[in-house]
Amino acid sequence: MAHATTNMQTRGRTVRVWDIAVRVFHWSLVAVVGLAFLTEDARTFHEVVGYAAVALVGFRLIWGLIGTRHARFSSFVPSPRRFVAYMRDMKERREKRYLGHNPAGGAMVVALLITLSLVGVTGYYAAAQGISGLRWVGEVHEAFVNILVGLIGLHIAGVVLASFRHSENLVIAMITGQKEVDDDHPDQ
């Protein structure tokens, strides 16, 4: 816990980390995925919000290539070695604080985007199963939805853990876009 205390003593000024596009994407995706989950029995509405989720993922893929510094995949998608090292440091309670996504968060973004894409593709084919005769696609769609729910749970747990460990509220940061800078490591 000394690591978090040290960081708090050296913080002061805030900087914009997540731009408005990332924040609107994030909270829109939360709403759309929640609606899709809640409207499973309202087929037409479920399909519309599913298409909205796919459109949001498409936007995020583009913004991950051309967006602002902390939005670009190149700034936060970790190599396998960096991810494993971060997880080891996390287990030993000595993980470094990051201004943007840490390696675990970066890996989670990738996992969520891939899974959401697979949910969208299988959902599209499941909706057309009467035409295509691919009834098994609905079961695959449901399996990917279950994986997505598990990833969302891990994502929330990671946000809570990182917020606690580094004495910062990451939910508020994703609303405002602002985080406090660690003056000892301003480029984190």
C-alpha atoms as a PDB file:
ATOM      1  CA  MET A   1       0.000   0.000   0.000  1.00  0.00           C
ATOM      2  CA  ALA A   2       3.006   2.287   0.361  1.00  0.00           C
ATOM      3  CA  HIS A   3       3.091   2.589  -3.442  1.00  0.00           C
ATOM      4  CA  ALA A   4      -0.369   4.184  -3.532  1.00  0.00           C
ATOM      5  CA  THR A   5       0.508   6.541  -0.654  1.00  0.00           C
ATOM      6  CA  THR A   6       3.661   7.670  -2.409  1.00  0.00           C
ATOM      7  CA  ASN A   7       1.695   8.357  -5.595  1.00  0.00           C
ATOM      8  CA  MET A   8      -0.911  10.404  -3.758  1.00  0.00           C
ATOM      9  CA  GLN A   9       1.762  12.619  -2.209  1.00  0.00           C
ATOM     10  CA  THR A  10       3.186  13.510  -5.620  1.00  0.00           C
ATOM     11  CA  ARG A  11      -0.073  14.110  -7.509  1.00  0.00           C
ATOM     12  CA  GLY A  12      -1.724  17.425  -7.932  1.00  0.00           C
ATOM     13  CA  ARG A  13      -2.593  18.631 -11.391  1.00  0.00           C
ATOM     14  CA  THR A  14      -5.062  16.881 -13.661  1.00  0.00           C
ATOM     15  CA  VAL A  15      -4.801  16.181 -17.355  1.00  0.00           C
ATOM     16  CA  ARG A  16      -7.269  15.007 -19.960  1.00  0.00           C
ATOM     17  CA  VAL A  17      -6.592  11.321 -20.584  1.00  0.00           C
ATOM     18  CA  TRP A  18      -9.679  10.008 -22.354  1.00  0.00           C
ATOM     19  CA  ASP A  19     -11.156  12.204 -25.051  1.00  0.00           C
ATOM     20  CA  ILE A  20     -14.889  12.743 -25.492  1.00  0.00           C
ATOM     21  CA  ALA A  21     -15.066  10.138 -28.285  1.00  0.00           C
ATOM     22  CA  VAL A  22     -13.670   7.383 -26.028  1.00  0.00           C
ATOM     23  CA  ARG A  23     -15.953   8.353 -23.159  1.00  0.00           C
ATOM     24  CA  VAL A  24     -19.108   8.572 -25.287  1.00  0.00           C
ATOM     25  CA  PHE A  25     -18.176   5.264 -26.926  1.00  0.00           C
ATOM     26  CA  HIS A  26     -17.614   3.589 -23.544  1.00  0.00           C
ATOM     27  CA  TRP A  27     -20.847   4.699 -21.895  1.00  0.00           C
ATOM     28  CA  SER A  28     -22.895   4.200 -25.080  1.00  0.00           C
ATOM     29  CA  LEU A  29     -21.579   0.662 -25.306  1.00  0.00           C
ATOM     30  CA  VAL A  30     -22.489   0.060 -21.647  1.00  0.00           C
ATOM     31  CA  ALA A  31     -26.048   1.238 -22.399  1.00  0.00           C
ATOM     32  CA  VAL A  32     -26.407  -0.700 -25.661  1.00  0.00           C
ATOM     33  CA  VAL A  33     -25.022  -3.973 -24.275  1.00  0.00           C
ATOM     34  CA  GLY A  34     -27.265  -3.599 -21.223  1.00  0.00           C
ATOM     35  CA  LEU A  35     -30.290  -3.008 -23.455  1.00  0.00           C
ATOM     36  CA  ALA A  36     -29.390  -5.969 -25.661  1.00  0.00           C
ATOM     37  CA  PHE A  37     -29.133  -8.181 -22.609  1.00  0.00           C
ATOM     38  CA  LEU A  38     -32.458  -6.953 -21.203  1.00  0.00           C
ATOM     39  CA  THR A  39     -34.362  -7.153 -24.492  1.00  0.00           C
ATOM     40  CA  GLU A  40     -33.428 -10.651 -25.566  1.00  0.00           C
ATOM     41  CA  ASP A  41     -37.136 -11.522 -25.945  1.00  0.00           C
ATOM     42  CA  ALA A  42     -37.993  -8.368 -27.932  1.00  0.00           C
ATOM     43  CA  ARG A  43     -36.321  -9.628 -31.070  1.00  0.00           C
ATOM     44  CA  THR A  44     -36.545  -6.572 -33.337  1.00  0.00           C
ATOM     45  CA  PHE A  45     -35.381  -4.133 -30.646  1.00  0.00           C
ATOM     46  CA  HIS A  46     -32.664  -6.602 -29.583  1.00  0.00           C
ATOM     47  CA  GLU A  47     -31.397  -6.719 -33.172  1.00  0.00           C
ATOM     48  CA  VAL A  48     -31.407  -2.910 -33.488  1.00  0.00           C
ATOM     49  CA  VAL A  49     -29.353  -2.441 -30.322  1.00  0.00           C
ATOM     50  CA  GLY A  50     -27.094  -5.263 -31.500  1.00  0.00           C
ATOM     51  CA  TYR A  51     -26.430  -3.356 -34.724  1.00  0.00           C
ATOM     52  CA  ALA A  52     -25.744  -0.252 -32.634  1.00  0.00           C
ATOM     53  CA  ALA A  53     -23.188  -2.210 -30.604  1.00  0.00           C
ATOM     54  CA  VAL A  54     -21.486  -3.403 -33.795  1.00  0.00           C
ATOM     55  CA  ALA A  55     -21.409   0.174 -35.121  1.00  0.00           C
ATOM     56  CA  LEU A  56     -19.842   1.360 -31.865  1.00  0.00           C
ATOM     57  CA  VAL A  57     -17.192  -1.379 -32.065  1.00  0.00           C
ATOM     58  CA  GLY A  58     -16.487  -0.364 -35.666  1.00  0.00           C
ATOM     59  CA  PHE A  59     -16.068   3.242 -34.582  1.00  0.00           C
ATOM     60  CA  ARG A  60     -13.711   2.210 -31.749  1.00  0.00           C
ATOM     61  CA  LEU A  61     -11.571   0.146 -34.106  1.00  0.00           C
ATOM     62  CA  ILE A  62     -11.132   3.195 -36.358  1.00  0.00           C
ATOM     63  CA  TRP A  63     -10.579   5.553 -33.399  1.00  0.00           C
ATOM     64  CA  GLY A  64      -8.025   3.094 -32.015  1.00  0.00           C
ATOM     65  CA  LEU A  65      -5.945   3.736 -35.123  1.00  0.00           C
ATOM     66  CA  ILE A  66      -6.413   7.478 -35.645  1.00  0.00           C
ATOM     67  CA  GLY A  67      -7.618   8.848 -32.295  1.00  0.00           C
ATOM     68  CA  THR A  68      -5.880  10.813 -29.586  1.00  0.00           C
ATOM     69  CA  ARG A  69      -2.839   9.505 -27.719  1.00  0.00           C
ATOM     70  CA  HIS A  70      -4.540   7.398 -25.038  1.00  0.00           C
ATOM     71  CA  ALA A  71      -7.241   6.222 -27.468  1.00  0.00           C
ATOM     72  CA  ARG A  72      -4.785   4.636 -29.912  1.00  0.00           C
ATOM     73  CA  PHE A  73      -4.175   0.910 -29.586  1.00  0.00           C
ATOM     74  CA  SER A  74      -0.456   1.542 -30.015  1.00  0.00           C
ATOM     75  CA  SER A  75      -0.456   3.342 -26.654  1.00  0.00           C
ATOM     76  CA  PHE A  76      -2.033   0.584 -24.578  1.00  0.00           C
ATOM     77  CA  VAL A  77      -2.199  -2.848 -26.219  1.00  0.00           C
ATOM     78  CA  PRO A  78       0.506  -4.802 -24.391  1.00  0.00           C
ATOM     79  CA  SER A  79       2.817  -7.471 -25.680  1.00  0.00           C
ATOM     80  CA  PRO A  80       2.285 -10.872 -24.033  1.00  0.00           C
ATOM     81  CA  ARG A  81       5.538 -10.391 -22.065  1.00  0.00           C
ATOM     82  CA  ARG A  82       4.451  -6.965 -20.775  1.00  0.00           C
ATOM     83  CA  PHE A  83       1.012  -8.292 -19.835  1.00  0.00           C
ATOM     84  CA  VAL A  84       2.470 -11.248 -17.896  1.00  0.00           C
ATOM     85  CA  ALA A  85       4.993  -8.987 -16.128  1.00  0.00           C
ATOM     86  CA  TYR A  86       2.220  -6.584 -15.127  1.00  0.00           C
ATOM     87  CA  MET A  87       0.031  -9.410 -13.819  1.00  0.00           C
ATOM     88  CA  ARG A  88       2.979 -10.737 -11.802  1.00  0.00           C
ATOM     89  CA  ASP A  89       3.590  -7.259 -10.374  1.00  0.00           C
ATOM     90  CA  MET A  90      -0.105  -6.955  -9.600  1.00  0.00           C
ATOM     91  CA  LYS A  91      -0.080 -10.257  -7.741  1.00  0.00           C
ATOM     92  CA  GLU A  92       2.890  -8.995  -5.715  1.00  0.00           C
ATOM     93  CA  ARG A  93       1.076  -5.666  -5.107  1.00  0.00           C
ATOM     94  CA  ARG A  94       3.770  -3.602  -6.808  1.00  0.00           C
ATOM     95  CA  GLU A  95       2.171  -2.778 -10.138  1.00  0.00           C
ATOM     96  CA  LYS A  96       2.944   0.571 -11.705  1.00  0.00           C
ATOM     97  CA  ARG A  97       0.199   3.171 -12.074  1.00  0.00           C
ATOM     98  CA  TYR A  98      -0.593   4.234 -15.633  1.00  0.00           C
ATOM     99  CA  LEU A  99      -2.152   7.456 -16.765  1.00  0.00           C
ATOM    100  CA  GLY A 100      -3.961   5.620 -19.586  1.00  0.00           C
ATOM    101  CA  HIS A 101      -4.832   1.925 -19.644  1.00  0.00           C
ATOM    102  CA  ASN A 102      -2.473  -0.371 -17.776  1.00  0.00           C
ATOM    103  CA  PRO A 103      -1.435  -3.600 -19.563  1.00  0.00           C
ATOM    104  CA  ALA A 104      -4.288  -5.585 -17.962  1.00  0.00           C
ATOM    105  CA  GLY A 105      -6.783  -2.907 -18.995  1.00  0.00           C
ATOM    106  CA  GLY A 106      -5.344  -2.810 -22.494  1.00  0.00           C
ATOM    107  CA  ALA A 107      -5.658  -6.572 -22.831  1.00  0.00           C
ATOM    108  CA  MET A 108      -9.237  -6.333 -21.544  1.00  0.00           C
ATOM    109  CA  VAL A 109     -10.110  -3.712 -24.184  1.00  0.00           C
ATOM    110  CA  VAL A 110      -8.847  -6.099 -26.875  1.00  0.00           C
ATOM    111  CA  ALA A 111     -10.706  -9.080 -25.377  1.00  0.00           C
ATOM    112  CA  LEU A 112     -13.946  -7.097 -25.103  1.00  0.00           C
ATOM    113  CA  LEU A 113     -13.740  -5.734 -28.666  1.00  0.00           C
ATOM    114  CA  ILE A 114     -13.040  -9.189 -30.102  1.00  0.00           C
ATOM    115  CA  THR A 115     -15.823 -10.798 -28.078  1.00  0.00           C
ATOM    116  CA  LEU A 116     -18.297  -8.035 -28.939  1.00  0.00           C
ATOM    117  CA  SER A 117     -17.430  -8.522 -32.614  1.00  0.00           C
ATOM    118  CA  LEU A 118     -18.066 -12.260 -32.317  1.00  0.00           C
ATOM    119  CA  VAL A 119     -21.342 -11.627 -30.483  1.00  0.00           C
ATOM    120  CA  GLY A 120     -22.369  -9.264 -33.290  1.00  0.00           C
ATOM    121  CA  VAL A 121     -21.446 -11.607 -36.146  1.00  0.00           C
ATOM    122  CA  THR A 122     -23.098 -14.641 -34.566  1.00  0.00           C
ATOM    123  CA  GLY A 123     -26.109 -12.517 -33.595  1.00  0.00           C
ATOM    124  CA  TYR A 124     -26.542 -11.423 -37.177  1.00  0.00           C
ATOM    125  CA  TYR A 125     -26.427 -15.020 -38.403  1.00  0.00           C
ATOM    126  CA  ALA A 126     -28.644 -16.212 -35.549  1.00  0.00           C
ATOM    127  CA  ALA A 127     -31.269 -13.633 -36.582  1.00  0.00           C
ATOM    128  CA  ALA A 128     -31.097 -14.989 -40.135  1.00  0.00           C
ATOM    129  CA  GLN A 129     -31.081 -18.651 -39.075  1.00  0.00           C
ATOM    130  CA  GLY A 130     -34.527 -19.306 -40.520  1.00  0.00           C
ATOM    131  CA  ILE A 131     -33.212 -18.327 -43.917  1.00  0.00           C
ATOM    132  CA  SER A 132     -29.764 -19.879 -43.661  1.00  0.00           C
ATOM    133  CA  GLY A 133     -30.623 -23.029 -41.701  1.00  0.00           C
ATOM    134  CA  LEU A 134     -27.672 -22.444 -39.351  1.00  0.00           C
ATOM    135  CA  ARG A 135     -29.539 -23.121 -36.088  1.00  0.00           C
ATOM    136  CA  TRP A 136     -26.308 -23.879 -34.189  1.00  0.00           C
ATOM    137  CA  VAL A 137     -25.245 -20.259 -34.655  1.00  0.00           C
ATOM    138  CA  GLY A 138     -27.748 -19.216 -31.969  1.00  0.00           C
ATOM    139  CA  GLU A 139     -25.997 -21.482 -29.487  1.00  0.00           C
ATOM    140  CA  VAL A 140     -22.605 -20.065 -30.448  1.00  0.00           C
ATOM    141  CA  HIS A 141     -24.035 -16.537 -30.096  1.00  0.00           C
ATOM    142  CA  GLU A 142     -25.253 -17.373 -26.605  1.00  0.00           C
ATOM    143  CA  ALA A 143     -21.841 -18.836 -25.695  1.00  0.00           C
ATOM    144  CA  PHE A 144     -20.120 -15.605 -26.783  1.00  0.00           C
ATOM    145  CA  VAL A 145     -22.662 -13.575 -24.799  1.00  0.00           C
ATOM    146  CA  ASN A 146     -21.775 -15.643 -21.718  1.00  0.00           C
ATOM    147  CA  ILE A 147     -18.073 -15.013 -22.339  1.00  0.00           C
ATOM    148  CA  LEU A 148     -18.862 -11.306 -22.707  1.00  0.00           C
ATOM    149  CA  VAL A 149     -20.699 -11.261 -19.368  1.00  0.00           C
ATOM    150  CA  GLY A 150     -17.674 -12.895 -17.718  1.00  0.00           C
ATOM    151  CA  LEU A 151     -15.313 -10.359 -19.291  1.00  0.00           C
ATOM    152  CA  ILE A 152     -17.531  -7.489 -18.150  1.00  0.00           C
ATOM    153  CA  GLY A 153     -17.369  -8.863 -14.604  1.00  0.00           C
ATOM    154  CA  LEU A 154     -13.569  -9.083 -14.803  1.00  0.00           C
ATOM    155  CA  HIS A 155     -13.418  -5.559 -16.261  1.00  0.00           C
ATOM    156  CA  ILE A 156     -15.460  -4.130 -13.397  1.00  0.00           C
ATOM    157  CA  ALA A 157     -13.375  -6.041 -10.838  1.00  0.00           C
ATOM    158  CA  GLY A 158     -10.181  -4.713 -12.445  1.00  0.00           C
ATOM    159  CA  VAL A 159     -11.474  -1.135 -12.359  1.00  0.00           C
ATOM    160  CA  VAL A 160     -12.389  -1.488  -8.678  1.00  0.00           C
ATOM    161  CA  LEU A 161      -9.026  -3.075  -7.835  1.00  0.00           C
ATOM    162  CA  ALA A 162      -6.976  -0.475  -9.737  1.00  0.00           C
ATOM    163  CA  SER A 163      -9.042   2.345  -8.234  1.00  0.00           C
ATOM    164  CA  PHE A 164      -8.388   0.997  -4.744  1.00  0.00           C
ATOM    165  CA  ARG A 165      -4.699   0.235  -5.275  1.00  0.00           C
ATOM    166  CA  HIS A 166      -3.886   3.621  -6.772  1.00  0.00           C
ATOM    167  CA  SER A 167      -6.326   5.694  -4.712  1.00  0.00           C
ATOM    168  CA  GLU A 168      -8.219   7.050  -7.709  1.00  0.00           C
ATOM    169  CA  ASN A 169     -11.752   6.723  -9.007  1.00  0.00           C
ATOM    170  CA  LEU A 170     -11.472   5.300 -12.523  1.00  0.00           C
ATOM    171  CA  VAL A 171     -15.243   5.470 -13.075  1.00  0.00           C
ATOM    172  CA  ILE A 172     -15.206   9.231 -12.505  1.00  0.00           C
ATOM    173  CA  ALA A 173     -12.124   9.481 -14.735  1.00  0.00           C
ATOM    174  CA  MET A 174     -14.043   7.731 -17.531  1.00  0.00           C
ATOM    175  CA  ILE A 175     -16.864  10.256 -17.072  1.00  0.00           C
ATOM    176  CA  THR A 176     -14.729  13.409 -16.897  1.00  0.00           C
ATOM    177  CA  GLY A 177     -11.756  12.211 -18.936  1.00  0.00           C
ATOM    178  CA  GLN A 178      -9.455  13.670 -16.269  1.00  0.00           C
ATOM    179  CA  LYS A 179      -6.838  11.945 -14.124  1.00  0.00           C
ATOM    180  CA  GLU A 180      -4.320  13.301 -11.678  1.00  0.00           C
ATOM    181  CA  VAL A 181      -0.744  13.301 -12.879  1.00  0.00           C
ATOM    182  CA  ASP A 182       1.935  11.562 -10.863  1.00  0.00           C
ATOM    183  CA  ASP A 183       4.608  14.300 -10.988  1.00  0.00           C
ATOM    184  CA  ASP A 184       7.342  11.685 -10.485  1.00  0.00           C
ATOM    185  CA  HIS A 185       6.198   9.909 -13.680  1.00  0.00           C
ATOM    186  CA  PRO A 186       4.200  12.431 -15.786  1.00  0.00           C
ATOM    187  CA  ASP A 187       4.217  10.333 -18.987  1.00  0.00           C
ATOM    188  CA  GLN A 188       2.680   7.205 -17.504  1.00  0.00           C
END
